Amino acid sequence: MQALSNLLQGKRGLVVGIANNKSIAAGCAEAFANAGAELIVTYLNELTKPFVKPVATKVNATALLPLDVQIDNQLEAVFAHIADTWGNLDFVLHSIAYCPQEDLHGRVTDCSRDGFAQAMDISCHSFIRMAKLAEPLMPNGGCLLTVSYYGAEKVVEHYNIMGPVKAALESSMKYLAAELGPVGIRVNALSPGPLETRAASGIAFFDELINKARAEAPKRQLVTIEDVGNVAVGLVSDASKSVTGNITYVDAGFHIMS
């Protein structure tokens, strides 16, 4: 991956959502580290830790911490560790989403109450919780960055209930940007094109989505996690100090097509 000089030299960031070395969060973590940032990264549970640890080692992470946002006090423990270790924080990458398979593969009309609540809690409300915990650690400002998808804006076949959930995430991002802007905290969203990640593999007919993006994007190509990571570096850096409340597409132009 091409390094972006020392754009993040002296910055400290939290990366949440690495599942393995093909995750969007992994591509971002590597780009952050290459640009000079010091990182703390998280893993979901002991089953996923062996897949996350090589990424943490590669980016020379200060700490690798457990984080399941559904377990009480784990998120608070991560931020307490940051406070004890660093005392401050410059940026957060939130790249987690989940929906029970039966609800993800079914119609929005048929989505269960529990499935919807769980998808919203993990995929959206966790970002709000992170913003609340990050605020006191950013006395000099900072950046909160989450990951969305075009299905939040337009109906994407087979994306189903995750479309409304990501729409809620994007709207929450904008309200957080408005509320936290006065204290110097910027809040933005990345919207990558379809990527062959572990999370994406749960979407029905994902190969069709990949092929459509490759055929119809103006650049006639798919994006990579490295592409997303490089854009993420720019957004959390001081080079984007006046950029907040934005949804930044990294999709080879696919979102402009009808």
C-alpha atoms as a PDB file:
ATOM      1  CA  MET A   1       0.000   0.000   0.000  1.00  0.00           C
ATOM      2  CA  GLN A   2       1.337   3.444  -0.876  1.00  0.00           C
ATOM      3  CA  ALA A   3       2.053   5.497   2.217  1.00  0.00           C
ATOM      4  CA  LEU A   4       0.603   8.993   2.473  1.00  0.00           C
ATOM      5  CA  SER A   5       3.855  10.505   3.789  1.00  0.00           C
ATOM      6  CA  ASN A   6       3.482  11.477   7.476  1.00  0.00           C
ATOM      7  CA  LEU A   7       0.001  12.945   7.243  1.00  0.00           C
ATOM      8  CA  LEU A   8      -1.041  11.389  10.565  1.00  0.00           C
ATOM      9  CA  GLN A   9       2.265  11.692  12.396  1.00  0.00           C
ATOM     10  CA  GLY A  10       1.576  12.221  16.102  1.00  0.00           C
ATOM     11  CA  LYS A  11      -2.100  11.214  15.786  1.00  0.00           C
ATOM     12  CA  ARG A  12      -3.703   8.494  17.882  1.00  0.00           C
ATOM     13  CA  GLY A  13      -6.698   6.522  16.682  1.00  0.00           C
ATOM     14  CA  LEU A  14      -9.085   3.730  17.608  1.00  0.00           C
ATOM     15  CA  VAL A  15     -10.043   1.232  14.887  1.00  0.00           C
ATOM     16  CA  VAL A  16     -13.168  -0.863  15.496  1.00  0.00           C
ATOM     17  CA  GLY A  17     -14.400  -3.532  13.114  1.00  0.00           C
ATOM     18  CA  ILE A  18     -11.440  -5.586  11.898  1.00  0.00           C
ATOM     19  CA  ALA A  19     -12.600  -9.147  11.220  1.00  0.00           C
ATOM     20  CA  ASN A  20      -9.558 -10.254   9.202  1.00  0.00           C
ATOM     21  CA  ASN A  21      -6.965  -8.830   6.818  1.00  0.00           C
ATOM     22  CA  LYS A  22      -9.577  -8.329   4.090  1.00  0.00           C
ATOM     23  CA  SER A  23     -11.832  -6.093   6.192  1.00  0.00           C
ATOM     24  CA  ILE A  24     -12.425  -2.465   5.287  1.00  0.00           C
ATOM     25  CA  ALA A  25     -11.241  -1.633   8.804  1.00  0.00           C
ATOM     26  CA  ALA A  26      -8.003  -3.544   8.162  1.00  0.00           C
ATOM     27  CA  GLY A  27      -7.341  -1.531   5.004  1.00  0.00           C
ATOM     28  CA  CYS A  28      -7.968   1.663   6.949  1.00  0.00           C
ATOM     29  CA  ALA A  29      -5.779   0.587   9.873  1.00  0.00           C
ATOM     30  CA  GLU A  30      -2.864  -0.160   7.568  1.00  0.00           C
ATOM     31  CA  ALA A  31      -3.276   3.186   5.803  1.00  0.00           C
ATOM     32  CA  PHE A  32      -3.454   5.017   9.139  1.00  0.00           C
ATOM     33  CA  ALA A  33      -0.276   3.300  10.344  1.00  0.00           C
ATOM     34  CA  ASN A  34       1.550   3.976   7.069  1.00  0.00           C
ATOM     35  CA  ALA A  35       0.661   7.650   7.467  1.00  0.00           C
ATOM     36  CA  GLY A  36       2.261   7.731  10.917  1.00  0.00           C
ATOM     37  CA  ALA A  37      -0.668   7.175  13.304  1.00  0.00           C
ATOM     38  CA  GLU A  38      -0.495   5.228  16.542  1.00  0.00           C
ATOM     39  CA  LEU A  39      -3.414   2.807  16.852  1.00  0.00           C
ATOM     40  CA  ILE A  40      -5.465   0.784  19.279  1.00  0.00           C
ATOM     41  CA  VAL A  41      -7.576  -1.886  17.583  1.00  0.00           C
ATOM     42  CA  THR A  42     -10.328  -4.212  18.761  1.00  0.00           C
ATOM     43  CA  TYR A  43     -11.523  -7.750  18.082  1.00  0.00           C
ATOM     44  CA  LEU A  44     -15.012  -9.147  18.536  1.00  0.00           C
ATOM     45  CA  ASN A  45     -14.295 -12.293  20.578  1.00  0.00           C
ATOM     46  CA  GLU A  46     -11.803 -15.112  21.114  1.00  0.00           C
ATOM     47  CA  LEU A  47     -12.907 -16.845  17.906  1.00  0.00           C
ATOM     48  CA  THR A  48     -12.015 -13.809  15.801  1.00  0.00           C
ATOM     49  CA  LYS A  49      -8.884 -12.782  17.697  1.00  0.00           C
ATOM     50  CA  PRO A  50      -6.507 -15.050  15.708  1.00  0.00           C
ATOM     51  CA  PHE A  51      -7.672 -13.348  12.489  1.00  0.00           C
ATOM     52  CA  VAL A  52      -7.335  -9.828  13.889  1.00  0.00           C
ATOM     53  CA  LYS A  53      -4.023 -10.250  15.698  1.00  0.00           C
ATOM     54  CA  PRO A  54      -1.890 -10.383  12.501  1.00  0.00           C
ATOM     55  CA  VAL A  55      -3.399  -7.056  11.419  1.00  0.00           C
ATOM     56  CA  ALA A  56      -2.743  -5.552  14.844  1.00  0.00           C
ATOM     57  CA  THR A  57       0.863  -6.761  14.644  1.00  0.00           C
ATOM     58  CA  LYS A  58       1.304  -5.397  11.124  1.00  0.00           C
ATOM     59  CA  VAL A  59       0.171  -1.913  12.148  1.00  0.00           C
ATOM     60  CA  ASN A  60       2.169  -2.089  15.385  1.00  0.00           C
ATOM     61  CA  ALA A  61      -0.955  -1.472  17.448  1.00  0.00           C
ATOM     62  CA  THR A  62      -0.440  -0.179  20.980  1.00  0.00           C
ATOM     63  CA  ALA A  63      -3.163  -2.525  22.207  1.00  0.00           C
ATOM     64  CA  LEU A  64      -5.526  -5.195  20.919  1.00  0.00           C
ATOM     65  CA  LEU A  65      -8.705  -5.114  23.002  1.00  0.00           C
ATOM     66  CA  PRO A  66     -11.919  -7.192  23.063  1.00  0.00           C
ATOM     67  CA  LEU A  67     -15.058  -5.361  22.003  1.00  0.00           C
ATOM     68  CA  ASP A  68     -18.531  -6.717  21.520  1.00  0.00           C
ATOM     69  CA  VAL A  69     -20.829  -3.697  21.714  1.00  0.00           C
ATOM     70  CA  GLN A  70     -23.667  -5.955  22.918  1.00  0.00           C
ATOM     71  CA  ILE A  71     -21.758  -6.851  26.097  1.00  0.00           C
ATOM     72  CA  ASP A  72     -22.297  -4.356  28.885  1.00  0.00           C
ATOM     73  CA  ASN A  73     -19.297  -2.183  29.771  1.00  0.00           C
ATOM     74  CA  GLN A  74     -16.929  -3.533  27.078  1.00  0.00           C
ATOM     75  CA  LEU A  75     -17.099  -0.337  25.038  1.00  0.00           C
ATOM     76  CA  GLU A  76     -16.590   1.741  28.169  1.00  0.00           C
ATOM     77  CA  ALA A  77     -13.579  -0.434  29.060  1.00  0.00           C
ATOM     78  CA  VAL A  78     -11.971   0.273  25.675  1.00  0.00           C
ATOM     79  CA  PHE A  79     -12.271   4.018  26.153  1.00  0.00           C
ATOM     80  CA  ALA A  80     -11.085   3.756  29.756  1.00  0.00           C
ATOM     81  CA  HIS A  81      -7.977   1.964  28.468  1.00  0.00           C
ATOM     82  CA  ILE A  82      -7.427   4.759  25.952  1.00  0.00           C
ATOM     83  CA  ALA A  83      -7.772   7.365  28.690  1.00  0.00           C
ATOM     84  CA  ASP A  84      -5.297   5.506  30.912  1.00  0.00           C
ATOM     85  CA  THR A  85      -2.814   4.764  28.111  1.00  0.00           C
ATOM     86  CA  TRP A  86      -2.906   7.916  25.998  1.00  0.00           C
ATOM     87  CA  GLY A  87      -5.071  10.423  27.822  1.00  0.00           C
ATOM     88  CA  ASN A  88      -6.451  11.713  24.541  1.00  0.00           C
ATOM     89  CA  LEU A  89      -7.683  10.531  21.159  1.00  0.00           C
ATOM     90  CA  ASP A  90      -7.557  12.068  17.682  1.00  0.00           C
ATOM     91  CA  PHE A  91      -9.832   9.825  15.622  1.00  0.00           C
ATOM     92  CA  VAL A  92     -12.134   6.810  15.679  1.00  0.00           C
ATOM     93  CA  LEU A  93     -13.027   4.468  12.829  1.00  0.00           C
ATOM     94  CA  HIS A  94     -16.347   2.666  13.373  1.00  0.00           C
ATOM     95  CA  SER A  95     -16.754  -0.167  10.870  1.00  0.00           C
ATOM     96  CA  ILE A  96     -19.175  -2.626  12.422  1.00  0.00           C
ATOM     97  CA  ALA A  97     -22.573  -3.820  11.279  1.00  0.00           C
ATOM     98  CA  TYR A  98     -24.727  -6.882  11.922  1.00  0.00           C
ATOM     99  CA  CYS A  99     -28.176  -8.244  11.215  1.00  0.00           C
ATOM    100  CA  PRO A 100     -29.520 -11.748  11.936  1.00  0.00           C
ATOM    101  CA  GLN A 101     -29.379 -13.757   8.731  1.00  0.00           C
ATOM    102  CA  GLU A 102     -33.087 -14.527   8.595  1.00  0.00           C
ATOM    103  CA  ASP A 103     -33.878 -10.813   8.688  1.00  0.00           C
ATOM    104  CA  LEU A 104     -31.047  -9.816   6.359  1.00  0.00           C
ATOM    105  CA  HIS A 105     -32.242 -12.271   3.703  1.00  0.00           C
ATOM    106  CA  GLY A 106     -35.916 -11.444   4.051  1.00  0.00           C
ATOM    107  CA  ARG A 107     -38.069  -8.523   2.963  1.00  0.00           C
ATOM    108  CA  VAL A 108     -38.054  -5.320   4.968  1.00  0.00           C
ATOM    109  CA  THR A 109     -41.785  -5.916   5.316  1.00  0.00           C
ATOM    110  CA  ASP A 110     -41.085  -9.157   7.176  1.00  0.00           C
ATOM    111  CA  CYS A 111     -38.220  -7.987   9.392  1.00  0.00           C
ATOM    112  CA  SER A 112     -38.659  -9.103  12.979  1.00  0.00           C
ATOM    113  CA  ARG A 113     -38.793  -6.627  15.835  1.00  0.00           C
ATOM    114  CA  ASP A 114     -35.823  -8.228  17.570  1.00  0.00           C
ATOM    115  CA  GLY A 115     -33.789  -8.441  14.364  1.00  0.00           C
ATOM    116  CA  PHE A 116     -34.374  -4.790  13.574  1.00  0.00           C
ATOM    117  CA  ALA A 117     -33.491  -3.731  17.111  1.00  0.00           C
ATOM    118  CA  GLN A 118     -30.278  -5.756  17.074  1.00  0.00           C
ATOM    119  CA  ALA A 119     -29.232  -4.438  13.653  1.00  0.00           C
ATOM    120  CA  MET A 120     -29.845  -0.861  14.739  1.00  0.00           C
ATOM    121  CA  ASP A 121     -28.052  -1.307  18.056  1.00  0.00           C
ATOM    122  CA  ILE A 122     -24.878  -2.830  16.617  1.00  0.00           C
ATOM    123  CA  SER A 123     -24.728  -0.983  13.305  1.00  0.00           C
ATOM    124  CA  CYS A 124     -25.942   2.473  14.314  1.00  0.00           C
ATOM    125  CA  HIS A 125     -26.375   3.169  18.015  1.00  0.00           C
ATOM    126  CA  SER A 126     -22.880   1.864  18.770  1.00  0.00           C
ATOM    127  CA  PHE A 127     -21.508   4.790  16.748  1.00  0.00           C
ATOM    128  CA  ILE A 128     -23.486   7.237  18.878  1.00  0.00           C
ATOM    129  CA  ARG A 129     -22.144   5.568  22.018  1.00  0.00           C
ATOM    130  CA  MET A 130     -18.592   5.841  20.701  1.00  0.00           C
ATOM    131  CA  ALA A 131     -19.099   9.524  19.954  1.00  0.00           C
ATOM    132  CA  LYS A 132     -20.221  10.151  23.545  1.00  0.00           C
ATOM    133  CA  LEU A 133     -17.205   8.325  24.971  1.00  0.00           C
ATOM    134  CA  ALA A 134     -14.754   9.907  22.531  1.00  0.00           C
ATOM    135  CA  GLU A 135     -15.856  13.500  23.152  1.00  0.00           C
ATOM    136  CA  PRO A 136     -14.048  14.014  26.482  1.00  0.00           C
ATOM    137  CA  LEU A 137     -10.883  12.491  24.989  1.00  0.00           C
ATOM    138  CA  MET A 138     -10.862  15.040  22.167  1.00  0.00           C
ATOM    139  CA  PRO A 139     -10.404  18.392  23.970  1.00  0.00           C
ATOM    140  CA  ASN A 140      -8.538  19.778  20.976  1.00  0.00           C
ATOM    141  CA  GLY A 141     -10.918  18.340  18.397  1.00  0.00           C
ATOM    142  CA  GLY A 142     -10.806  15.158  16.374  1.00  0.00           C
ATOM    143  CA  CYS A 143     -12.651  13.062  13.828  1.00  0.00           C
ATOM    144  CA  LEU A 144     -15.219  10.287  14.054  1.00  0.00           C
ATOM    145  CA  LEU A 145     -15.560   8.181  10.927  1.00  0.00           C
ATOM    146  CA  THR A 146     -18.109   5.474  10.167  1.00  0.00           C
ATOM    147  CA  VAL A 147     -18.727   3.207   7.187  1.00  0.00           C
ATOM    148  CA  SER A 148     -21.976   3.183   5.228  1.00  0.00           C
ATOM    149  CA  TYR A 149     -23.127   1.941   1.817  1.00  0.00           C
ATOM    150  CA  TYR A 150     -25.080   3.236  -1.182  1.00  0.00           C
ATOM    151  CA  GLY A 151     -28.038   1.071  -0.121  1.00  0.00           C
ATOM    152  CA  ALA A 152     -28.767   3.732   2.499  1.00  0.00           C
ATOM    153  CA  GLU A 153     -29.666   6.191  -0.260  1.00  0.00           C
ATOM    154  CA  LYS A 154     -31.205   4.022  -2.969  1.00  0.00           C
ATOM    155  CA  VAL A 155     -32.905   0.641  -2.917  1.00  0.00           C
ATOM    156  CA  VAL A 156     -30.262  -1.988  -3.656  1.00  0.00           C
ATOM    157  CA  GLU A 157     -31.706  -5.405  -4.384  1.00  0.00           C
ATOM    158  CA  HIS A 158     -30.980  -7.969  -1.657  1.00  0.00           C
ATOM    159  CA  TYR A 159     -29.542  -5.359   0.735  1.00  0.00           C
ATOM    160  CA  ASN A 160     -32.915  -5.428   2.481  1.00  0.00           C
ATOM    161  CA  ILE A 161     -33.176  -4.166   6.088  1.00  0.00           C
ATOM    162  CA  MET A 162     -29.559  -2.987   6.124  1.00  0.00           C
ATOM    163  CA  GLY A 163     -30.628  -0.165   3.797  1.00  0.00           C
ATOM    164  CA  PRO A 164     -32.837   1.521   6.421  1.00  0.00           C
ATOM    165  CA  VAL A 165     -30.260   0.746   9.121  1.00  0.00           C
ATOM    166  CA  LYS A 166     -27.443   2.413   7.158  1.00  0.00           C
ATOM    167  CA  ALA A 167     -29.765   5.338   6.390  1.00  0.00           C
ATOM    168  CA  ALA A 168     -30.208   5.779  10.148  1.00  0.00           C
ATOM    169  CA  LEU A 169     -26.430   5.625  10.562  1.00  0.00           C
ATOM    170  CA  GLU A 170     -25.900   8.338   7.944  1.00  0.00           C
ATOM    171  CA  SER A 171     -28.534  10.568   9.525  1.00  0.00           C
ATOM    172  CA  SER A 172     -27.026  10.027  12.979  1.00  0.00           C
ATOM    173  CA  MET A 173     -23.631  10.978  11.562  1.00  0.00           C
ATOM    174  CA  LYS A 174     -25.027  14.306  10.369  1.00  0.00           C
ATOM    175  CA  TYR A 175     -26.668  15.119  13.705  1.00  0.00           C
ATOM    176  CA  LEU A 176     -23.471  14.203  15.555  1.00  0.00           C
ATOM    177  CA  ALA A 177     -21.522  16.474  13.197  1.00  0.00           C
ATOM    178  CA  ALA A 178     -23.854  19.356  14.019  1.00  0.00           C
ATOM    179  CA  GLU A 179     -23.718  18.762  17.761  1.00  0.00           C
ATOM    180  CA  LEU A 180     -19.982  18.130  18.072  1.00  0.00           C
ATOM    181  CA  GLY A 181     -18.776  20.691  15.546  1.00  0.00           C
ATOM    182  CA  PRO A 182     -18.667  23.526  18.113  1.00  0.00           C
ATOM    183  CA  VAL A 183     -16.097  21.574  20.165  1.00  0.00           C
ATOM    184  CA  GLY A 184     -13.974  20.870  17.103  1.00  0.00           C
ATOM    185  CA  ILE A 185     -14.988  17.254  16.493  1.00  0.00           C
ATOM    186  CA  ARG A 186     -15.710  16.368  12.882  1.00  0.00           C
ATOM    187  CA  VAL A 187     -17.983  13.443  11.965  1.00  0.00           C
ATOM    188  CA  ASN A 188     -18.044  11.831   8.527  1.00  0.00           C
ATOM    189  CA  ALA A 189     -19.010   8.644   6.722  1.00  0.00           C
ATOM    190  CA  LEU A 190     -17.248   6.575   4.089  1.00  0.00           C
ATOM    191  CA  SER A 191     -19.435   4.878   1.501  1.00  0.00           C
ATOM    192  CA  PRO A 192     -17.348   2.269  -0.323  1.00  0.00           C
ATOM    193  CA  GLY A 193     -18.468   0.292  -3.328  1.00  0.00           C
ATOM    194  CA  PRO A 194     -19.079  -3.444  -2.856  1.00  0.00           C
ATOM    195  CA  LEU A 195     -16.021  -5.258  -1.517  1.00  0.00           C
ATOM    196  CA  GLU A 196     -15.451  -8.959  -1.024  1.00  0.00           C
ATOM    197  CA  THR A 197     -15.309  -8.859   2.758  1.00  0.00           C
ATOM    198  CA  ARG A 198     -16.558 -11.292   5.386  1.00  0.00           C
ATOM    199  CA  ALA A 199     -19.471  -9.004   6.212  1.00  0.00           C
ATOM    200  CA  ALA A 200     -20.509  -8.632   2.575  1.00  0.00           C
ATOM    201  CA  SER A 201     -20.523 -12.388   2.062  1.00  0.00           C
ATOM    202  CA  GLY A 202     -23.724 -12.556   4.101  1.00  0.00           C
ATOM    203  CA  ILE A 203     -25.671 -10.581   1.492  1.00  0.00           C
ATOM    204  CA  ALA A 204     -27.691 -12.793  -0.870  1.00  0.00           C
ATOM    205  CA  PHE A 205     -26.592 -12.781  -4.528  1.00  0.00           C
ATOM    206  CA  PHE A 206     -23.523 -10.729  -3.626  1.00  0.00           C
ATOM    207  CA  ASP A 207     -21.723 -11.862  -6.790  1.00  0.00           C
ATOM    208  CA  GLU A 208     -24.410 -10.130  -8.850  1.00  0.00           C
ATOM    209  CA  LEU A 209     -23.834  -6.916  -6.910  1.00  0.00           C
ATOM    210  CA  ILE A 210     -20.082  -7.140  -7.518  1.00  0.00           C
ATOM    211  CA  ASN A 211     -20.533  -7.773 -11.225  1.00  0.00           C
ATOM    212  CA  LYS A 212     -22.993  -4.896 -11.589  1.00  0.00           C
ATOM    213  CA  ALA A 213     -20.605  -2.473  -9.873  1.00  0.00           C
ATOM    214  CA  ARG A 214     -17.704  -3.576 -12.049  1.00  0.00           C
ATOM    215  CA  ALA A 215     -19.740  -3.258 -15.246  1.00  0.00           C
ATOM    216  CA  GLU A 216     -21.504   0.046 -14.518  1.00  0.00           C
ATOM    217  CA  ALA A 217     -19.073   2.138 -12.471  1.00  0.00           C
ATOM    218  CA  PRO A 218     -17.547   4.903 -14.631  1.00  0.00           C
ATOM    219  CA  LYS A 219     -14.063   3.502 -13.989  1.00  0.00           C
ATOM    220  CA  ARG A 220     -15.269  -0.038 -14.840  1.00  0.00           C
ATOM    221  CA  GLN A 221     -13.502  -1.459 -11.827  1.00  0.00           C
ATOM    222  CA  LEU A 222     -14.021  -2.388  -8.203  1.00  0.00           C
ATOM    223  CA  VAL A 223     -12.421  -0.525  -5.347  1.00  0.00           C
ATOM    224  CA  THR A 224     -10.063  -2.089  -2.823  1.00  0.00           C
ATOM    225  CA  ILE A 225      -9.680  -1.819   0.923  1.00  0.00           C
ATOM    226  CA  GLU A 226      -6.469   0.094   0.188  1.00  0.00           C
ATOM    227  CA  ASP A 227      -8.463   2.656  -1.800  1.00  0.00           C
ATOM    228  CA  VAL A 228     -10.856   3.100   1.114  1.00  0.00           C
ATOM    229  CA  GLY A 229      -7.995   3.330   3.590  1.00  0.00           C
ATOM    230  CA  ASN A 230      -6.253   6.087   1.671  1.00  0.00           C
ATOM    231  CA  VAL A 231      -9.434   8.186   1.616  1.00  0.00           C
ATOM    232  CA  ALA A 232      -9.941   7.508   5.328  1.00  0.00           C
ATOM    233  CA  VAL A 233      -6.463   8.891   6.028  1.00  0.00           C
ATOM    234  CA  GLY A 234      -7.364  12.124   4.300  1.00  0.00           C
ATOM    235  CA  LEU A 235     -10.636  12.460   6.188  1.00  0.00           C
ATOM    236  CA  VAL A 236      -9.182  11.990   9.670  1.00  0.00           C
ATOM    237  CA  SER A 237      -6.170  14.199   8.932  1.00  0.00           C
ATOM    238  CA  ASP A 238      -5.875  17.937   9.456  1.00  0.00           C
ATOM    239  CA  ALA A 239      -6.015  18.293   5.676  1.00  0.00           C
ATOM    240  CA  SER A 240      -9.792  17.820   6.065  1.00  0.00           C
ATOM    241  CA  LYS A 241     -10.187  20.165   9.029  1.00  0.00           C
ATOM    242  CA  SER A 242     -13.183  21.874   7.395  1.00  0.00           C
ATOM    243  CA  VAL A 243     -14.896  18.656   6.260  1.00  0.00           C
ATOM    244  CA  THR A 244     -17.709  17.389   8.468  1.00  0.00           C
ATOM    245  CA  GLY A 245     -21.155  15.878   8.019  1.00  0.00           C
ATOM    246  CA  ASN A 246     -20.098  14.405   4.670  1.00  0.00           C
ATOM    247  CA  ILE A 247     -20.717  11.050   3.019  1.00  0.00           C
ATOM    248  CA  THR A 248     -17.622  10.326   0.941  1.00  0.00           C
ATOM    249  CA  TYR A 249     -18.118   7.764  -1.809  1.00  0.00           C
ATOM    250  CA  VAL A 250     -15.229   5.458  -2.658  1.00  0.00           C
ATOM    251  CA  ASP A 251     -16.902   3.415  -5.381  1.00  0.00           C
ATOM    252  CA  ALA A 252     -15.200   4.206  -8.695  1.00  0.00           C
ATOM    253  CA  GLY A 253     -18.131   6.564  -9.401  1.00  0.00           C
ATOM    254  CA  PHE A 254     -20.905   3.939  -9.217  1.00  0.00           C
ATOM    255  CA  HIS A 255     -23.181   6.153  -7.101  1.00  0.00           C
ATOM    256  CA  ILE A 256     -23.591   8.734  -9.913  1.00  0.00           C
ATOM    257  CA  MET A 257     -25.139   6.206 -12.304  1.00  0.00           C
ATOM    258  CA  SER A 258     -28.880   5.791 -12.694  1.00  0.00           C
END
